């Protein structure tokens, strides 16, 4: 048994009033009827029916005139003019429908005053309504522009991240191939086991290069696997520790960014040093400000006087700023007596 499709509610015709407009006219009608009934000492219900008749005609005129297009008359003038012209006609119609002709002079004067009051009240209400409509349209236009701008910014950020990841992939691949070459040339007894671990590591790492949902936890898994492989390659020359606060593991983080810093520490700090060194990876959140700090430090060779920051560091900095805003930083410091300390600082998304 198939369920019949749900029927959508029919769209309101643009020339018909909205429920809010009906409510406003009802409130104005009740107030005017109360005032006129008190001034004329007439029955409230009788006055209410007459004012309601005029109010309904003016409201229908206001909404219907919105669909009229005149090149020589803008809507801001057309709609108040239409209401001002219909107001005395509506008063005349209610007079002819409810009173005997000829009527008493005092009664005629009363309807003339009612016509003037209808013109004034209707025109003022029309001008107020037009102003509110204009503000509502401006607000809707601003909100639409903001939504479009946010969409474009997200698309631009995603495009920048894809471009930067495309730049970082060759950097990571070439570094890995250099490590394989070093294993083969060294003819170490550990070459076979290390190579097998390296292949398994690459199988796990390559799908994450373009992982838009990467977290710091997945990044730390790759960092540990990489450092364990490098430790197998040079067990006497490389020691390491990875200690990042557990509450940070779920943070979004650019894929392969922290790994790039660790690779640089191995390639430019530990490898060239005769005595090797130690690599420390850490991270914590400042309890007062909520600012996150991650670091990679090594006690390797350190920076030479002619050293310049490479593509890897520039990409890490740019990708971090694309994810966490321009306040995200990458700072590079020399350690004493030798070594390099790279520090990433940023605010989490909810506080950025």
C-alpha atoms as a PDB file:
ATOM      1  CA  UNK A   1       0.000   0.000   0.000  1.00  0.00           C
ATOM      2  CA  UNK A   2       1.553   3.235  -1.131  1.00  0.00           C
ATOM      3  CA  UNK A   3       1.226   6.447   0.811  1.00  0.00           C
ATOM      4  CA  UNK A   4      -0.248   9.296  -1.245  1.00  0.00           C
ATOM      5  CA  UNK A   5       2.095  12.265  -1.606  1.00  0.00           C
ATOM      6  CA  UNK A   6       1.530  15.146   0.737  1.00  0.00           C
ATOM      7  CA  UNK A   7      -0.071  18.184  -0.851  1.00  0.00           C
ATOM      8  CA  UNK A   8       1.705  21.430  -0.238  1.00  0.00           C
ATOM      9  CA  UNK A   9      -0.339  24.378   0.945  1.00  0.00           C
ATOM     10  CA  UNK A  10      -1.377  26.691  -1.920  1.00  0.00           C
ATOM     11  CA  UNK A  11       0.724  29.810  -2.194  1.00  0.00           C
ATOM     12  CA  UNK A  12      -0.909  33.085  -1.151  1.00  0.00           C
ATOM     13  CA  UNK A  13      -1.766  35.428  -4.008  1.00  0.00           C
ATOM     14  CA  UNK A  14       0.487  38.526  -3.816  1.00  0.00           C
ATOM     15  CA  UNK A  15      -2.557  40.837  -4.031  1.00  0.00           C
ATOM     16  CA  UNK A  16      -4.090  39.343  -0.873  1.00  0.00           C
ATOM     17  CA  UNK A  17      -3.210  40.625   2.630  1.00  0.00           C
ATOM     18  CA  UNK A  18      -1.073  38.613   4.995  1.00  0.00           C
ATOM     19  CA  UNK A  19      -2.383  37.496   8.424  1.00  0.00           C
ATOM     20  CA  UNK A  20      -0.179  40.114  10.036  1.00  0.00           C
ATOM     21  CA  UNK A  21      -1.726  42.866   7.897  1.00  0.00           C
ATOM     22  CA  UNK A  22      -5.232  41.681   8.820  1.00  0.00           C
ATOM     23  CA  UNK A  23      -4.268  41.797  12.490  1.00  0.00           C
ATOM     24  CA  UNK A  24      -2.902  45.355  12.219  1.00  0.00           C
ATOM     25  CA  UNK A  25      -6.069  46.576  10.469  1.00  0.00           C
ATOM     26  CA  UNK A  26      -8.198  44.890  13.127  1.00  0.00           C
ATOM     27  CA  UNK A  27      -6.317  46.668  15.926  1.00  0.00           C
ATOM     28  CA  UNK A  28      -6.559  50.062  14.196  1.00  0.00           C
ATOM     29  CA  UNK A  29     -10.278  49.479  13.512  1.00  0.00           C
ATOM     30  CA  UNK A  30     -10.998  48.644  17.147  1.00  0.00           C
ATOM     31  CA  UNK A  31      -9.143  51.718  18.427  1.00  0.00           C
ATOM     32  CA  UNK A  32     -10.813  54.129  15.959  1.00  0.00           C
ATOM     33  CA  UNK A  33     -14.225  52.613  16.607  1.00  0.00           C
ATOM     34  CA  UNK A  34     -13.823  53.068  20.352  1.00  0.00           C
ATOM     35  CA  UNK A  35     -12.741  56.715  19.957  1.00  0.00           C
ATOM     36  CA  UNK A  36     -15.486  57.619  17.432  1.00  0.00           C
ATOM     37  CA  UNK A  37     -18.135  55.794  19.428  1.00  0.00           C
ATOM     38  CA  UNK A  38     -17.195  57.787  22.505  1.00  0.00           C
ATOM     39  CA  UNK A  39     -17.166  61.116  20.617  1.00  0.00           C
ATOM     40  CA  UNK A  40     -20.427  60.558  18.731  1.00  0.00           C
ATOM     41  CA  UNK A  41     -22.276  58.697  21.500  1.00  0.00           C
ATOM     42  CA  UNK A  42     -23.261  56.152  18.844  1.00  0.00           C
ATOM     43  CA  UNK A  43     -23.538  52.376  19.316  1.00  0.00           C
ATOM     44  CA  UNK A  44     -20.081  50.801  19.324  1.00  0.00           C
ATOM     45  CA  UNK A  45     -21.111  47.875  17.093  1.00  0.00           C
ATOM     46  CA  UNK A  46     -22.589  50.182  14.464  1.00  0.00           C
ATOM     47  CA  UNK A  47     -19.459  52.334  14.390  1.00  0.00           C
ATOM     48  CA  UNK A  48     -17.248  49.226  14.329  1.00  0.00           C
ATOM     49  CA  UNK A  49     -19.001  47.778  11.272  1.00  0.00           C
ATOM     50  CA  UNK A  50     -18.614  51.040   9.342  1.00  0.00           C
ATOM     51  CA  UNK A  51     -14.929  51.474  10.243  1.00  0.00           C
ATOM     52  CA  UNK A  52     -14.245  47.794   9.526  1.00  0.00           C
ATOM     53  CA  UNK A  53     -15.811  48.116   6.057  1.00  0.00           C
ATOM     54  CA  UNK A  54     -13.601  51.096   5.239  1.00  0.00           C
ATOM     55  CA  UNK A  55     -10.508  49.412   6.731  1.00  0.00           C
ATOM     56  CA  UNK A  56     -10.975  46.228   4.679  1.00  0.00           C
ATOM     57  CA  UNK A  57     -11.351  48.200   1.442  1.00  0.00           C
ATOM     58  CA  UNK A  58      -8.238  50.259   2.205  1.00  0.00           C
ATOM     59  CA  UNK A  59      -6.221  47.140   3.055  1.00  0.00           C
ATOM     60  CA  UNK A  60      -7.269  45.421  -0.193  1.00  0.00           C
ATOM     61  CA  UNK A  61      -6.377  48.590  -2.092  1.00  0.00           C
ATOM     62  CA  UNK A  62      -2.949  48.703  -0.419  1.00  0.00           C
ATOM     63  CA  UNK A  63      -2.088  45.087  -1.246  1.00  0.00           C
ATOM     64  CA  UNK A  64      -3.598  45.105  -4.757  1.00  0.00           C
ATOM     65  CA  UNK A  65      -1.765  48.293  -5.753  1.00  0.00           C
ATOM     66  CA  UNK A  66       1.563  46.556  -5.019  1.00  0.00           C
ATOM     67  CA  UNK A  67       1.164  44.516  -8.229  1.00  0.00           C
ATOM     68  CA  UNK A  68       0.397  47.577 -10.371  1.00  0.00           C
ATOM     69  CA  UNK A  69       3.375  48.824 -12.364  1.00  0.00           C
ATOM     70  CA  UNK A  70       3.453  52.404 -13.632  1.00  0.00           C
ATOM     71  CA  UNK A  71       6.668  53.736 -15.123  1.00  0.00           C
ATOM     72  CA  UNK A  72       5.623  57.326 -14.495  1.00  0.00           C
ATOM     73  CA  UNK A  73       4.702  56.738 -10.851  1.00  0.00           C
ATOM     74  CA  UNK A  74       6.895  54.861  -8.345  1.00  0.00           C
ATOM     75  CA  UNK A  75       5.268  52.386  -5.907  1.00  0.00           C
ATOM     76  CA  UNK A  76       6.175  54.633  -2.969  1.00  0.00           C
ATOM     77  CA  UNK A  77       3.722  57.229  -4.377  1.00  0.00           C
ATOM     78  CA  UNK A  78       1.254  54.948  -6.128  1.00  0.00           C
ATOM     79  CA  UNK A  79       0.135  53.018  -3.056  1.00  0.00           C
ATOM     80  CA  UNK A  80      -0.464  56.012  -0.706  1.00  0.00           C
ATOM     81  CA  UNK A  81      -2.262  57.808  -3.574  1.00  0.00           C
ATOM     82  CA  UNK A  82      -4.500  54.768  -4.222  1.00  0.00           C
ATOM     83  CA  UNK A  83      -5.400  54.510  -0.535  1.00  0.00           C
ATOM     84  CA  UNK A  84      -6.083  58.260  -0.305  1.00  0.00           C
ATOM     85  CA  UNK A  85      -8.439  58.069  -3.310  1.00  0.00           C
ATOM     86  CA  UNK A  86     -10.304  54.953  -2.146  1.00  0.00           C
ATOM     87  CA  UNK A  87     -10.827  56.221   1.444  1.00  0.00           C
ATOM     88  CA  UNK A  88     -13.537  58.856   0.586  1.00  0.00           C
ATOM     89  CA  UNK A  89     -15.133  56.481  -1.933  1.00  0.00           C
ATOM     90  CA  UNK A  90     -15.370  53.763   0.748  1.00  0.00           C
ATOM     91  CA  UNK A  91     -16.916  56.304   3.142  1.00  0.00           C
ATOM     92  CA  UNK A  92     -19.430  57.352   0.483  1.00  0.00           C
ATOM     93  CA  UNK A  93     -20.304  53.716  -0.180  1.00  0.00           C
ATOM     94  CA  UNK A  94     -20.995  52.978   3.484  1.00  0.00           C
ATOM     95  CA  UNK A  95     -23.072  56.162   3.687  1.00  0.00           C
ATOM     96  CA  UNK A  96     -25.238  55.150   0.727  1.00  0.00           C
ATOM     97  CA  UNK A  97     -25.630  51.602   2.036  1.00  0.00           C
ATOM     98  CA  UNK A  98     -26.650  52.505   5.602  1.00  0.00           C
ATOM     99  CA  UNK A  99     -28.281  55.956   5.565  1.00  0.00           C
ATOM    100  CA  UNK A 100     -31.421  57.394   4.010  1.00  0.00           C
ATOM    101  CA  UNK A 101     -31.109  60.094   1.392  1.00  0.00           C
ATOM    102  CA  UNK A 102     -31.582  62.955   1.941  1.00  0.00           C
ATOM    103  CA  UNK A 103     -29.896  62.713   5.364  1.00  0.00           C
ATOM    104  CA  UNK A 104     -29.642  65.232   8.146  1.00  0.00           C
ATOM    105  CA  UNK A 105     -26.965  67.863   7.795  1.00  0.00           C
ATOM    106  CA  UNK A 106     -25.229  66.811  11.022  1.00  0.00           C
ATOM    107  CA  UNK A 107     -25.059  63.225   9.772  1.00  0.00           C
ATOM    108  CA  UNK A 108     -23.580  64.346   6.453  1.00  0.00           C
ATOM    109  CA  UNK A 109     -20.956  66.413   8.298  1.00  0.00           C
ATOM    110  CA  UNK A 110     -20.146  63.341  10.388  1.00  0.00           C
ATOM    111  CA  UNK A 111     -19.484  61.255   7.289  1.00  0.00           C
ATOM    112  CA  UNK A 112     -17.366  64.040   5.791  1.00  0.00           C
ATOM    113  CA  UNK A 113     -15.237  64.020   8.941  1.00  0.00           C
ATOM    114  CA  UNK A 114     -15.092  60.215   8.729  1.00  0.00           C
ATOM    115  CA  UNK A 115     -13.873  60.469   5.131  1.00  0.00           C
ATOM    116  CA  UNK A 116     -11.142  62.936   6.138  1.00  0.00           C
ATOM    117  CA  UNK A 117     -10.147  60.721   9.066  1.00  0.00           C
ATOM    118  CA  UNK A 118     -10.035  57.683   6.739  1.00  0.00           C
ATOM    119  CA  UNK A 119      -7.782  59.511   4.276  1.00  0.00           C
ATOM    120  CA  UNK A 120      -5.387  60.699   6.989  1.00  0.00           C
ATOM    121  CA  UNK A 121      -5.280  57.401   8.893  1.00  0.00           C
ATOM    122  CA  UNK A 122      -5.046  55.281   5.731  1.00  0.00           C
ATOM    123  CA  UNK A 123      -2.260  57.391   4.237  1.00  0.00           C
ATOM    124  CA  UNK A 124      -0.234  57.419   7.463  1.00  0.00           C
ATOM    125  CA  UNK A 125      -0.659  53.655   7.900  1.00  0.00           C
ATOM    126  CA  UNK A 126       0.387  53.130   4.274  1.00  0.00           C
ATOM    127  CA  UNK A 127       3.542  55.205   4.695  1.00  0.00           C
ATOM    128  CA  UNK A 128       4.469  53.325   7.876  1.00  0.00           C
ATOM    129  CA  UNK A 129       3.814  49.970   6.193  1.00  0.00           C
ATOM    130  CA  UNK A 130       5.932  50.940   3.174  1.00  0.00           C
ATOM    131  CA  UNK A 131       8.792  51.947   5.449  1.00  0.00           C
ATOM    132  CA  UNK A 132       8.583  48.637   7.342  1.00  0.00           C
ATOM    133  CA  UNK A 133       8.459  46.704   4.056  1.00  0.00           C
ATOM    134  CA  UNK A 134      11.514  48.553   2.775  1.00  0.00           C
ATOM    135  CA  UNK A 135      13.431  47.782   5.971  1.00  0.00           C
ATOM    136  CA  UNK A 136      12.371  44.135   5.801  1.00  0.00           C
ATOM    137  CA  UNK A 137      13.558  43.873   2.189  1.00  0.00           C
ATOM    138  CA  UNK A 138      16.857  45.546   3.054  1.00  0.00           C
ATOM    139  CA  UNK A 139      17.330  43.173   5.995  1.00  0.00           C
ATOM    140  CA  UNK A 140      16.501  40.154   3.820  1.00  0.00           C
ATOM    141  CA  UNK A 141      18.910  41.390   1.144  1.00  0.00           C
ATOM    142  CA  UNK A 142      21.687  41.824   3.730  1.00  0.00           C
ATOM    143  CA  UNK A 143      21.060  38.344   5.113  1.00  0.00           C
ATOM    144  CA  UNK A 144      21.134  36.894   1.591  1.00  0.00           C
ATOM    145  CA  UNK A 145      24.400  38.721   0.858  1.00  0.00           C
ATOM    146  CA  UNK A 146      25.881  37.419   4.124  1.00  0.00           C
ATOM    147  CA  UNK A 147      24.829  33.860   3.277  1.00  0.00           C
ATOM    148  CA  UNK A 148      26.313  34.151  -0.206  1.00  0.00           C
ATOM    149  CA  UNK A 149      29.509  35.686   1.199  1.00  0.00           C
ATOM    150  CA  UNK A 150      29.815  32.925   3.805  1.00  0.00           C
ATOM    151  CA  UNK A 151      29.304  30.300   1.094  1.00  0.00           C
ATOM    152  CA  UNK A 152      31.960  31.899  -1.112  1.00  0.00           C
ATOM    153  CA  UNK A 153      34.381  32.158   1.824  1.00  0.00           C
ATOM    154  CA  UNK A 154      33.881  28.481   2.686  1.00  0.00           C
ATOM    155  CA  UNK A 155      34.394  27.494  -0.956  1.00  0.00           C
ATOM    156  CA  UNK A 156      37.502  29.683  -1.162  1.00  0.00           C
ATOM    157  CA  UNK A 157      38.892  28.183   2.047  1.00  0.00           C
ATOM    158  CA  UNK A 158      38.228  24.664   0.782  1.00  0.00           C
ATOM    159  CA  UNK A 159      39.915  25.488  -2.535  1.00  0.00           C
ATOM    160  CA  UNK A 160      42.955  26.931  -0.735  1.00  0.00           C
ATOM    161  CA  UNK A 161      43.226  23.850   1.465  1.00  0.00           C
ATOM    162  CA  UNK A 162      43.032  21.561  -1.571  1.00  0.00           C
ATOM    163  CA  UNK A 163      45.744  23.579  -3.312  1.00  0.00           C
ATOM    164  CA  UNK A 164      48.021  23.559  -0.270  1.00  0.00           C
ATOM    165  CA  UNK A 165      47.510  19.839   0.255  1.00  0.00           C
ATOM    166  CA  UNK A 166      48.391  19.251  -3.387  1.00  0.00           C
ATOM    167  CA  UNK A 167      51.635  21.144  -2.748  1.00  0.00           C
ATOM    168  CA  UNK A 168      52.434  19.228   0.438  1.00  0.00           C
ATOM    169  CA  UNK A 169      51.935  15.746  -1.088  1.00  0.00           C
ATOM    170  CA  UNK A 170      55.120  15.804  -3.240  1.00  0.00           C
ATOM    171  CA  UNK A 171      57.050  17.184  -0.263  1.00  0.00           C
ATOM    172  CA  UNK A 172      55.938  14.260   1.898  1.00  0.00           C
ATOM    173  CA  UNK A 173      56.462  11.692  -0.866  1.00  0.00           C
ATOM    174  CA  UNK A 174      59.987  12.844  -1.713  1.00  0.00           C
ATOM    175  CA  UNK A 175      61.012  12.790   1.946  1.00  0.00           C
ATOM    176  CA  UNK A 176      59.693   9.245   2.288  1.00  0.00           C
ATOM    177  CA  UNK A 177      61.542   8.082  -0.817  1.00  0.00           C
ATOM    178  CA  UNK A 178      64.746   9.616   0.542  1.00  0.00           C
ATOM    179  CA  UNK A 179      64.297   7.595   3.739  1.00  0.00           C
ATOM    180  CA  UNK A 180      63.885   4.402   1.692  1.00  0.00           C
ATOM    181  CA  UNK A 181      67.065   5.187  -0.233  1.00  0.00           C
ATOM    182  CA  UNK A 182      68.962   5.721   3.009  1.00  0.00           C
ATOM    183  CA  UNK A 183      67.819   2.313   4.288  1.00  0.00           C
ATOM    184  CA  UNK A 184      68.965   0.559   1.125  1.00  0.00           C
ATOM    185  CA  UNK A 185      72.349   2.302   0.991  1.00  0.00           C
ATOM    186  CA  UNK A 186      73.074   1.594   4.665  1.00  0.00           C
ATOM    187  CA  UNK A 187      72.559  -2.165   4.104  1.00  0.00           C
ATOM    188  CA  UNK A 188      71.415  -2.444   7.682  1.00  0.00           C
ATOM    189  CA  UNK A 189      70.089  -5.689   9.142  1.00  0.00           C
ATOM    190  CA  UNK A 190      66.979  -3.690  10.005  1.00  0.00           C
ATOM    191  CA  UNK A 191      66.447  -2.599   6.390  1.00  0.00           C
ATOM    192  CA  UNK A 192      63.907  -5.354   5.629  1.00  0.00           C
ATOM    193  CA  UNK A 193      61.695  -4.892   8.730  1.00  0.00           C
ATOM    194  CA  UNK A 194      61.876  -1.113   8.464  1.00  0.00           C
ATOM    195  CA  UNK A 195      60.951  -1.202   4.784  1.00  0.00           C
ATOM    196  CA  UNK A 196      57.937  -3.403   5.480  1.00  0.00           C
ATOM    197  CA  UNK A 197      56.827  -1.079   8.272  1.00  0.00           C
ATOM    198  CA  UNK A 198      57.344   1.881   5.976  1.00  0.00           C
ATOM    199  CA  UNK A 199      55.163   0.355   3.257  1.00  0.00           C
ATOM    200  CA  UNK A 200      52.432  -0.349   5.806  1.00  0.00           C
ATOM    201  CA  UNK A 201      52.773   3.193   7.113  1.00  0.00           C
ATOM    202  CA  UNK A 202      52.418   4.668   3.619  1.00  0.00           C
ATOM    203  CA  UNK A 203      49.321   2.592   2.963  1.00  0.00           C
ATOM    204  CA  UNK A 204      47.762   4.078   6.073  1.00  0.00           C
ATOM    205  CA  UNK A 205      49.046   7.615   5.497  1.00  0.00           C
ATOM    206  CA  UNK A 206      48.320   8.249   1.823  1.00  0.00           C
ATOM    207  CA  UNK A 207      44.493   8.143   2.093  1.00  0.00           C
ATOM    208  CA  UNK A 208      44.699  10.813   4.802  1.00  0.00           C
ATOM    209  CA  UNK A 209      46.542  13.340   2.688  1.00  0.00           C
ATOM    210  CA  UNK A 210      43.249  14.842   1.504  1.00  0.00           C
ATOM    211  CA  UNK A 211      41.199  14.013   4.582  1.00  0.00           C
ATOM    212  CA  UNK A 212      38.964  17.044   5.145  1.00  0.00           C
ATOM    213  CA  UNK A 213      37.810  15.608   8.489  1.00  0.00           C
ATOM    214  CA  UNK A 214      41.284  14.938   9.895  1.00  0.00           C
ATOM    215  CA  UNK A 215      41.729  15.420  13.637  1.00  0.00           C
ATOM    216  CA  UNK A 216      44.737  15.902  15.848  1.00  0.00           C
ATOM    217  CA  UNK A 217      44.316  12.315  17.071  1.00  0.00           C
ATOM    218  CA  UNK A 218      44.726  10.844  13.561  1.00  0.00           C
ATOM    219  CA  UNK A 219      47.686  13.135  13.012  1.00  0.00           C
ATOM    220  CA  UNK A 220      49.366  11.965  16.224  1.00  0.00           C
ATOM    221  CA  UNK A 221      48.921   8.340  15.154  1.00  0.00           C
ATOM    222  CA  UNK A 222      50.868   9.063  11.966  1.00  0.00           C
ATOM    223  CA  UNK A 223      53.507  11.007  13.883  1.00  0.00           C
ATOM    224  CA  UNK A 224      54.103   8.116  16.294  1.00  0.00           C
ATOM    225  CA  UNK A 225      54.247   5.591  13.450  1.00  0.00           C
ATOM    226  CA  UNK A 226      56.734   7.756  11.558  1.00  0.00           C
ATOM    227  CA  UNK A 227      58.968   8.304  14.585  1.00  0.00           C
ATOM    228  CA  UNK A 228      58.955   4.590  15.396  1.00  0.00           C
ATOM    229  CA  UNK A 229      60.115   3.854  11.848  1.00  0.00           C
ATOM    230  CA  UNK A 230      62.859   6.439  12.078  1.00  0.00           C
ATOM    231  CA  UNK A 231      63.902   5.034  15.450  1.00  0.00           C
ATOM    232  CA  UNK A 232      64.228   1.572  13.883  1.00  0.00           C
ATOM    233  CA  UNK A 233      66.407   3.066  11.184  1.00  0.00           C
ATOM    234  CA  UNK A 234      68.748   4.812  13.646  1.00  0.00           C
ATOM    235  CA  UNK A 235      68.056   3.355  17.111  1.00  0.00           C
ATOM    236  CA  UNK A 236      71.201   4.808  18.676  1.00  0.00           C
ATOM    237  CA  UNK A 237      70.751   8.309  17.271  1.00  0.00           C
ATOM    238  CA  UNK A 238      67.047   9.087  17.670  1.00  0.00           C
ATOM    239  CA  UNK A 239      64.937   9.215  20.824  1.00  0.00           C
ATOM    240  CA  UNK A 240      61.454  10.711  20.914  1.00  0.00           C
ATOM    241  CA  UNK A 241      58.366  11.371  23.020  1.00  0.00           C
ATOM    242  CA  UNK A 242      54.810  12.342  22.046  1.00  0.00           C
ATOM    243  CA  UNK A 243      52.805  13.907  24.883  1.00  0.00           C
ATOM    244  CA  UNK A 244      49.705  15.869  23.868  1.00  0.00           C
ATOM    245  CA  UNK A 245      46.855  16.535  26.302  1.00  0.00           C
ATOM    246  CA  UNK A 246      44.058  14.033  25.667  1.00  0.00           C
ATOM    247  CA  UNK A 247      41.344  16.717  25.540  1.00  0.00           C
ATOM    248  CA  UNK A 248      42.968  18.094  22.368  1.00  0.00           C
ATOM    249  CA  UNK A 249      42.829  14.871  20.378  1.00  0.00           C
ATOM    250  CA  UNK A 250      39.398  15.580  18.880  1.00  0.00           C
ATOM    251  CA  UNK A 251      40.370  18.984  17.466  1.00  0.00           C
ATOM    252  CA  UNK A 252      40.149  19.417  13.674  1.00  0.00           C
ATOM    253  CA  UNK A 253      43.666  19.648  12.307  1.00  0.00           C
ATOM    254  CA  UNK A 254      45.185  19.985   8.814  1.00  0.00           C
ATOM    255  CA  UNK A 255      46.159  16.530   7.566  1.00  0.00           C
ATOM    256  CA  UNK A 256      49.946  15.885   7.530  1.00  0.00           C
ATOM    257  CA  UNK A 257      50.735  19.329   9.008  1.00  0.00           C
ATOM    258  CA  UNK A 258      52.279  18.152  12.286  1.00  0.00           C
ATOM    259  CA  UNK A 259      53.926  15.266  10.468  1.00  0.00           C
ATOM    260  CA  UNK A 260      55.650  17.779   8.179  1.00  0.00           C
ATOM    261  CA  UNK A 261      57.232  19.469  11.207  1.00  0.00           C
ATOM    262  CA  UNK A 262      58.417  16.118  12.577  1.00  0.00           C
ATOM    263  CA  UNK A 263      59.852  15.152   9.186  1.00  0.00           C
ATOM    264  CA  UNK A 264      61.756  18.433   9.067  1.00  0.00           C
ATOM    265  CA  UNK A 265      63.147  17.766  12.552  1.00  0.00           C
ATOM    266  CA  UNK A 266      64.393  14.333  11.453  1.00  0.00           C
ATOM    267  CA  UNK A 267      65.700  15.384   8.055  1.00  0.00           C
ATOM    268  CA  UNK A 268      67.320  18.714   8.960  1.00  0.00           C
ATOM    269  CA  UNK A 269      68.036  18.245  12.668  1.00  0.00           C
ATOM    270  CA  UNK A 270      68.726  14.612  13.606  1.00  0.00           C
ATOM    271  CA  UNK A 271      70.052  13.168  10.333  1.00  0.00           C
ATOM    272  CA  UNK A 272      72.901  15.697   9.782  1.00  0.00           C
ATOM    273  CA  UNK A 273      74.029  15.513  13.436  1.00  0.00           C
ATOM    274  CA  UNK A 274      76.736  12.953  14.225  1.00  0.00           C
ATOM    275  CA  UNK A 275      75.415  12.296  17.706  1.00  0.00           C
ATOM    276  CA  UNK A 276      71.734  12.413  16.715  1.00  0.00           C
ATOM    277  CA  UNK A 277      69.273  13.836  19.215  1.00  0.00           C
ATOM    278  CA  UNK A 278      65.797  13.768  20.700  1.00  0.00           C
ATOM    279  CA  UNK A 279      62.461  14.889  19.258  1.00  0.00           C
ATOM    280  CA  UNK A 280      59.669  15.988  21.558  1.00  0.00           C
ATOM    281  CA  UNK A 281      56.091  16.468  20.321  1.00  0.00           C
ATOM    282  CA  UNK A 282      53.716  18.102  22.791  1.00  0.00           C
ATOM    283  CA  UNK A 283      50.523  20.080  23.139  1.00  0.00           C
ATOM    284  CA  UNK A 284      48.397  21.792  25.769  1.00  0.00           C
ATOM    285  CA  UNK A 285      45.570  24.314  26.175  1.00  0.00           C
ATOM    286  CA  UNK A 286      45.928  27.476  28.228  1.00  0.00           C
ATOM    287  CA  UNK A 287      43.305  27.297  30.994  1.00  0.00           C
ATOM    288  CA  UNK A 288      42.809  31.081  31.120  1.00  0.00           C
ATOM    289  CA  UNK A 289      42.587  32.019  27.432  1.00  0.00           C
ATOM    290  CA  UNK A 290      41.730  28.646  25.898  1.00  0.00           C
ATOM    291  CA  UNK A 291      44.534  29.092  23.371  1.00  0.00           C
ATOM    292  CA  UNK A 292      46.019  25.843  22.017  1.00  0.00           C
ATOM    293  CA  UNK A 293      49.771  25.346  21.733  1.00  0.00           C
ATOM    294  CA  UNK A 294      51.414  22.455  19.863  1.00  0.00           C
ATOM    295  CA  UNK A 295      55.142  22.073  19.459  1.00  0.00           C
ATOM    296  CA  UNK A 296      57.837  19.961  17.851  1.00  0.00           C
ATOM    297  CA  UNK A 297      61.306  20.374  19.330  1.00  0.00           C
ATOM    298  CA  UNK A 298      64.538  18.612  18.521  1.00  0.00           C
ATOM    299  CA  UNK A 299      68.094  18.651  19.893  1.00  0.00           C
ATOM    300  CA  UNK A 300      69.642  18.067  16.500  1.00  0.00           C
ATOM    301  CA  UNK A 301      71.995  20.159  14.439  1.00  0.00           C
ATOM    302  CA  UNK A 302      69.957  23.351  14.613  1.00  0.00           C
ATOM    303  CA  UNK A 303      69.549  26.072  12.032  1.00  0.00           C
ATOM    304  CA  UNK A 304      72.480  27.266  10.002  1.00  0.00           C
ATOM    305  CA  UNK A 305      73.033  30.975   9.443  1.00  0.00           C
ATOM    306  CA  UNK A 306      71.941  30.689   5.818  1.00  0.00           C
ATOM    307  CA  UNK A 307      68.889  28.513   6.488  1.00  0.00           C
ATOM    308  CA  UNK A 308      65.587  29.744   5.077  1.00  0.00           C
ATOM    309  CA  UNK A 309      62.074  28.465   5.947  1.00  0.00           C
ATOM    310  CA  UNK A 310      61.013  25.956   3.291  1.00  0.00           C
ATOM    311  CA  UNK A 311      57.787  25.193   1.469  1.00  0.00           C
ATOM    312  CA  UNK A 312      56.693  22.751   4.168  1.00  0.00           C
ATOM    313  CA  UNK A 313      56.636  25.352   6.963  1.00  0.00           C
ATOM    314  CA  UNK A 314      54.922  27.937   4.746  1.00  0.00           C
ATOM    315  CA  UNK A 315      52.222  25.441   3.850  1.00  0.00           C
ATOM    316  CA  UNK A 316      51.677  24.410   7.476  1.00  0.00           C
ATOM    317  CA  UNK A 317      51.279  28.053   8.516  1.00  0.00           C
ATOM    318  CA  UNK A 318      48.853  28.849   5.672  1.00  0.00           C
ATOM    319  CA  UNK A 319      46.749  25.717   6.172  1.00  0.00           C
ATOM    320  CA  UNK A 320      46.529  26.352   9.917  1.00  0.00           C
ATOM    321  CA  UNK A 321      45.358  29.936   9.293  1.00  0.00           C
ATOM    322  CA  UNK A 322      42.827  28.719   6.709  1.00  0.00           C
ATOM    323  CA  UNK A 323      41.358  26.387   9.332  1.00  0.00           C
ATOM    324  CA  UNK A 324      41.619  28.536  12.496  1.00  0.00           C
ATOM    325  CA  UNK A 325      41.769  32.092  11.173  1.00  0.00           C
ATOM    326  CA  UNK A 326      44.530  34.691  10.758  1.00  0.00           C
ATOM    327  CA  UNK A 327      45.317  34.600  14.480  1.00  0.00           C
ATOM    328  CA  UNK A 328      46.898  31.144  14.119  1.00  0.00           C
ATOM    329  CA  UNK A 329      50.714  31.303  14.253  1.00  0.00           C
ATOM    330  CA  UNK A 330      53.767  29.220  13.496  1.00  0.00           C
ATOM    331  CA  UNK A 331      56.930  30.338  15.314  1.00  0.00           C
ATOM    332  CA  UNK A 332      60.423  28.952  14.834  1.00  0.00           C
ATOM    333  CA  UNK A 333      63.061  29.224  17.601  1.00  0.00           C
ATOM    334  CA  UNK A 334      66.592  27.979  18.087  1.00  0.00           C
ATOM    335  CA  UNK A 335      67.232  25.822  21.132  1.00  0.00           C
ATOM    336  CA  UNK A 336      70.272  26.034  23.419  1.00  0.00           C
ATOM    337  CA  UNK A 337      72.896  24.622  22.992  1.00  0.00           C
ATOM    338  CA  UNK A 338      71.546  23.390  19.626  1.00  0.00           C
ATOM    339  CA  UNK A 339      68.272  22.337  18.073  1.00  0.00           C
ATOM    340  CA  UNK A 340      65.031  23.845  16.806  1.00  0.00           C
ATOM    341  CA  UNK A 341      61.669  24.412  18.473  1.00  0.00           C
ATOM    342  CA  UNK A 342      58.604  24.920  16.226  1.00  0.00           C
ATOM    343  CA  UNK A 343      55.440  26.114  17.938  1.00  0.00           C
ATOM    344  CA  UNK A 344      51.870  26.276  16.594  1.00  0.00           C
ATOM    345  CA  UNK A 345      49.377  28.465  18.479  1.00  0.00           C
ATOM    346  CA  UNK A 346      45.708  28.987  17.654  1.00  0.00           C
ATOM    347  CA  UNK A 347      42.265  29.418  19.178  1.00  0.00           C
ATOM    348  CA  UNK A 348      39.744  26.568  18.855  1.00  0.00           C
ATOM    349  CA  UNK A 349      36.907  27.219  16.415  1.00  0.00           C
ATOM    350  CA  UNK A 350      34.257  27.877  19.046  1.00  0.00           C
ATOM    351  CA  UNK A 351      36.360  30.688  20.560  1.00  0.00           C
ATOM    352  CA  UNK A 352      38.045  32.010  17.417  1.00  0.00           C
END
